[in-house]
């Protein structure tokens, strides 16, 4: 039990003893002097206890709420040196979460990468067109070769489905066989990083007359087939 609780017990013990003592005296006065019966005297006893208890708590409330603040203000004015010093602890700022650094010059990086990619694509296309001219000029007319150039430009960025929409097939000399056309298709498709099915679909529609008897799945399987041919397989043009 703490000292504070002990103090409260002692105070309220004296208070109860005082109230009971006064109530007993009042009861005795009521019996001896006022000639009351035992029941009436007992009621006087309880009423006296209630009145004294209520008076005490009312007085304590008035003392705490009204009198003590006034006494404290008067005491502080007369003895300012005894005013308790208020210690203000410095505020410690919580560490802020570090934000992820923004990507500097994102637009510049993206533009540079796009420009580099476009340059690489243009260089690859130029290399493929140059190879096509050297390889096919002997077996095509100038107008047909020009048409083939247009198809190749389209093929560089086309999908399989887009290749299926190709029209205006080109005409070539009969000296070039289907094996030559398959080798030619693989050589340029390899430079454009095209899949086998995309390359097979492209040459099937561009050389429609020469490959009309071959289905796309067969062309895909025979793109690098070995045999007697004019156009050889070339890993690098």
Protein backbone atom coordinates (compact mmCIF):
# COMPACT_ATOMS: atom_id res chain seq x y z
CA UNK A 1 0.00 0.00 0.00
CA UNK A 2 1.45 3.38 -0.93
CA UNK A 3 1.94 6.32 1.42
CA UNK A 4 -0.69 8.36 -0.41
CA UNK A 5 -3.36 5.69 0.12
CA UNK A 6 -2.38 5.44 3.79
CA UNK A 7 -2.83 9.21 4.20
CA UNK A 8 -6.30 9.04 2.68
CA UNK A 9 -7.29 6.18 5.02
CA UNK A 10 -6.15 8.11 8.10
CA UNK A 11 -7.94 11.32 7.02
CA UNK A 12 -11.22 9.58 6.21
CA UNK A 13 -11.02 7.52 9.42
CA UNK A 14 -10.83 10.70 11.50
CA UNK A 15 -13.62 12.20 9.39
CA UNK A 16 -15.93 9.22 9.90
CA UNK A 17 -15.11 9.07 13.60
CA UNK A 18 -15.90 12.78 14.01
CA UNK A 19 -19.18 12.51 12.10
CA UNK A 20 -20.25 9.41 14.06
CA UNK A 21 -19.33 11.07 17.37
CA UNK A 22 -21.36 14.18 16.59
CA UNK A 23 -24.29 12.03 15.34
CA UNK A 24 -24.22 9.98 18.58
CA UNK A 25 -24.27 13.16 20.67
CA UNK A 26 -27.19 14.52 18.67
CA UNK A 27 -29.07 11.20 19.14
CA UNK A 28 -28.45 11.30 22.90
CA UNK A 29 -29.70 14.89 22.98
CA UNK A 30 -32.82 13.86 21.07
CA UNK A 31 -33.55 11.01 23.51
CA UNK A 32 -32.77 12.77 26.78
CA UNK A 33 -33.81 16.34 26.09
CA UNK A 34 -36.38 16.05 23.31
CA UNK A 35 -37.86 12.81 24.68
CA UNK A 36 -37.92 11.05 21.29
CA UNK A 37 -38.45 7.32 20.93
CA UNK A 38 -35.66 4.96 19.78
CA UNK A 39 -36.76 4.87 16.12
CA UNK A 40 -36.97 8.66 15.85
CA UNK A 41 -33.63 9.00 17.58
CA UNK A 42 -32.11 6.49 15.12
CA UNK A 43 -33.46 8.50 12.18
CA UNK A 44 -31.95 11.65 13.70
CA UNK A 45 -28.64 9.78 13.91
CA UNK A 46 -28.68 8.83 10.19
CA UNK A 47 -29.86 12.29 9.07
CA UNK A 48 -27.09 13.90 11.11
CA UNK A 49 -24.51 11.63 9.47
CA UNK A 50 -25.81 12.47 5.99
CA UNK A 51 -25.90 16.22 6.69
CA UNK A 52 -22.40 16.29 8.15
CA UNK A 53 -21.01 14.18 5.25
CA UNK A 54 -22.72 16.40 2.68
CA UNK A 55 -21.48 19.53 4.44
CA UNK A 56 -17.90 18.21 4.41
CA UNK A 57 -17.86 17.32 0.73
CA UNK A 58 -19.52 20.63 -0.22
CA UNK A 59 -16.95 22.54 1.81
CA UNK A 60 -14.11 20.56 0.21
CA UNK A 61 -15.46 21.28 -3.31
CA UNK A 62 -15.73 25.02 -2.58
CA UNK A 63 -12.24 25.00 -1.10
CA UNK A 64 -10.65 23.29 -4.13
CA UNK A 65 -12.53 25.21 -6.82
CA UNK A 66 -12.66 28.73 -5.35
CA UNK A 67 -10.44 29.34 -2.38
CA UNK A 68 -7.25 27.46 -3.37
CA UNK A 69 -6.80 29.21 -6.79
CA UNK A 70 -7.17 32.59 -5.07
CA UNK A 71 -4.64 31.67 -2.40
CA UNK A 72 -2.20 30.42 -5.08
CA UNK A 73 -2.41 33.67 -7.07
CA UNK A 74 -1.83 35.77 -3.91
CA UNK A 75 1.11 33.55 -2.92
CA UNK A 76 2.71 33.81 -6.39
CA UNK A 77 2.48 37.61 -6.37
CA UNK A 78 4.17 37.84 -2.98
CA UNK A 79 6.82 35.17 -3.68
CA UNK A 80 7.58 35.12 -7.45
CA UNK A 81 11.00 33.57 -6.84
CA UNK A 82 9.29 30.35 -5.75
CA UNK A 83 7.51 29.95 -9.12
CA UNK A 84 8.34 26.45 -10.44
CA UNK A 85 10.59 26.52 -13.51
CA UNK A 86 9.05 25.00 -16.57
CA UNK A 87 11.52 22.95 -18.56
CA UNK A 88 10.72 22.73 -22.26
CA UNK A 89 12.30 19.72 -23.91
CA UNK A 90 13.55 20.36 -27.46
CA UNK A 91 11.48 18.76 -30.14
CA UNK A 92 13.28 16.02 -32.00
CA UNK A 93 12.20 15.85 -35.60
CA UNK A 94 11.44 12.38 -36.81
CA UNK A 95 13.70 11.36 -39.67
CA UNK A 96 11.91 11.81 -42.95
CA UNK A 97 11.66 8.89 -45.29
CA UNK A 98 14.04 9.21 -48.15
CA UNK A 99 12.27 9.50 -51.43
CA UNK A 100 13.45 7.55 -54.39
CA UNK A 101 15.53 9.83 -56.59
CA UNK A 102 13.77 10.86 -59.75
CA UNK A 103 15.19 9.68 -63.04
CA UNK A 104 17.22 12.62 -64.29
CA UNK A 105 16.89 13.59 -67.93
CA UNK A 106 14.39 10.79 -68.64
CA UNK A 107 13.13 12.51 -71.78
CA UNK A 108 16.67 12.97 -73.05
CA UNK A 109 17.57 9.32 -72.39
CA UNK A 110 14.41 8.11 -74.11
CA UNK A 111 14.96 10.35 -77.11
CA UNK A 112 18.58 9.21 -77.42
CA UNK A 113 17.56 5.53 -77.21
CA UNK A 114 14.85 6.03 -79.84
CA UNK A 115 17.27 7.83 -82.13
CA UNK A 116 19.84 5.05 -81.72
CA UNK A 117 17.22 2.38 -82.46
CA UNK A 118 16.04 4.24 -85.58
CA UNK A 119 19.63 4.53 -86.79
CA UNK A 120 20.21 0.80 -86.29
CA UNK A 121 17.00 -0.03 -88.13
CA UNK A 122 17.94 2.26 -91.02
CA UNK A 123 21.41 0.73 -91.24
CA UNK A 124 19.98 -2.81 -91.23
CA UNK A 125 17.47 -1.89 -93.95
CA UNK A 126 20.17 -0.29 -96.09
CA UNK A 127 22.31 -3.43 -95.75
CA UNK A 128 19.39 -5.72 -96.71
CA UNK A 129 18.41 -3.59 -99.70
CA UNK A 130 22.01 -3.50 -100.90
CA UNK A 131 22.23 -7.29 -100.60
CA UNK A 132 18.90 -7.67 -102.44
CA UNK A 133 20.06 -5.52 -105.34
CA UNK A 134 23.33 -7.43 -105.73
CA UNK A 135 21.65 -10.83 -105.39
CA UNK A 136 18.43 -10.32 -107.39
CA UNK A 137 19.18 -7.69 -110.06
CA UNK A 138 20.33 -10.34 -112.53
CA UNK A 139 17.00 -12.17 -112.25
CA UNK A 140 14.49 -9.29 -112.16
CA UNK A 141 13.60 -6.18 -114.13
CA UNK A 142 14.25 -2.80 -112.61
CA UNK A 143 10.55 -2.18 -111.91
CA UNK A 144 10.13 -5.59 -110.26
CA UNK A 145 13.24 -5.02 -108.15
CA UNK A 146 11.84 -1.66 -107.04
CA UNK A 147 8.61 -3.39 -106.03
CA UNK A 148 10.60 -5.95 -104.10
CA UNK A 149 12.36 -3.11 -102.27
CA UNK A 150 8.97 -1.75 -101.17
CA UNK A 151 7.91 -5.15 -99.89
CA UNK A 152 11.16 -5.50 -97.92
CA UNK A 153 10.71 -2.05 -96.30
CA UNK A 154 7.24 -3.17 -95.24
CA UNK A 155 8.52 -6.54 -94.00
CA UNK A 156 11.04 -4.98 -91.60
CA UNK A 157 8.32 -3.95 -89.10
CA UNK A 158 5.40 -6.16 -90.23
CA UNK A 159 3.79 -9.00 -88.29
CA UNK A 160 2.75 -12.38 -89.66
CA UNK A 161 -0.85 -11.19 -90.04
CA UNK A 162 0.28 -8.06 -91.89
CA UNK A 163 2.44 -10.15 -94.24
CA UNK A 164 -0.67 -12.13 -95.16
CA UNK A 165 -2.17 -8.92 -96.57
CA UNK A 166 0.67 -8.40 -99.07
CA UNK A 167 -0.39 -8.07 -102.68
CA UNK A 168 1.41 -7.32 -105.95
CA UNK A 169 3.79 -10.29 -106.01
CA UNK A 170 6.98 -9.80 -107.99
CA UNK A 171 8.10 -11.73 -111.07
CA UNK A 172 11.56 -13.33 -111.26
CA UNK A 173 13.61 -15.27 -113.77
CA UNK A 174 12.92 -18.98 -113.96
CA UNK A 175 16.58 -19.66 -113.14
CA UNK A 176 15.79 -19.06 -109.47
CA UNK A 177 14.14 -22.08 -107.92
CA UNK A 178 12.07 -22.34 -104.75
CA UNK A 179 15.18 -23.29 -102.77
CA UNK A 180 16.82 -20.01 -103.83
CA UNK A 181 13.79 -17.98 -102.74
CA UNK A 182 13.73 -19.76 -99.38
CA UNK A 183 17.43 -19.03 -98.86
CA UNK A 184 16.88 -15.40 -99.88
CA UNK A 185 13.95 -15.11 -97.47
CA UNK A 186 15.92 -16.57 -94.58
CA UNK A 187 18.92 -14.29 -95.25
CA UNK A 188 16.88 -11.07 -95.03
CA UNK A 189 14.54 -12.36 -92.28
CA UNK A 190 17.55 -13.22 -90.15
CA UNK A 191 18.79 -9.62 -90.40
CA UNK A 192 15.37 -8.31 -89.32
CA UNK A 193 15.23 -10.92 -86.50
CA UNK A 194 12.02 -12.38 -87.89
CA UNK A 195 10.61 -15.76 -86.90
CA UNK A 196 10.44 -18.65 -89.35
CA UNK A 197 6.67 -18.35 -89.78
CA UNK A 198 6.92 -14.60 -90.48
CA UNK A 199 9.62 -15.12 -93.11
CA UNK A 200 7.74 -18.02 -94.73
CA UNK A 201 4.53 -15.96 -94.88
CA UNK A 202 6.40 -13.04 -96.45
CA UNK A 203 8.07 -14.93 -99.31
CA UNK A 204 4.92 -17.00 -99.92
CA UNK A 205 3.04 -13.80 -100.81
CA UNK A 206 5.91 -11.91 -102.49
CA UNK A 207 6.89 -14.84 -104.74
CA UNK A 208 3.34 -16.18 -105.04
CA UNK A 209 3.75 -17.63 -108.55
CA UNK A 210 6.97 -19.52 -107.83
CA UNK A 211 5.77 -20.86 -104.45
CA UNK A 212 2.11 -21.48 -105.25
CA UNK A 213 2.52 -25.25 -104.78
CA UNK A 214 4.15 -24.87 -101.31
CA UNK A 215 2.26 -24.29 -98.07
CA UNK A 216 3.64 -21.91 -95.47
CA UNK A 217 4.46 -24.67 -92.96
CA UNK A 218 6.57 -26.46 -95.62
CA UNK A 219 8.35 -23.23 -96.57
CA UNK A 220 9.14 -22.58 -92.92
CA UNK A 221 10.65 -26.04 -92.54
CA UNK A 222 12.76 -25.72 -95.70
CA UNK A 223 14.08 -22.17 -95.30
CA UNK A 224 17.63 -23.50 -94.77
CA UNK A 225 17.37 -26.73 -96.71
CA UNK A 226 20.58 -27.79 -98.48
CA UNK A 227 20.72 -28.56 -102.17
CA UNK A 228 21.76 -27.26 -105.57
CA UNK A 229 21.07 -23.53 -105.53
CA UNK A 230 22.19 -20.11 -106.74
CA UNK A 231 21.46 -18.10 -103.56
CA UNK A 232 23.43 -19.41 -100.60
CA UNK A 233 22.61 -19.17 -96.91
CA UNK A 234 24.43 -16.21 -95.36
CA UNK A 235 24.58 -15.55 -91.64
CA UNK A 236 25.99 -12.07 -92.31
CA UNK A 237 25.24 -10.01 -95.39
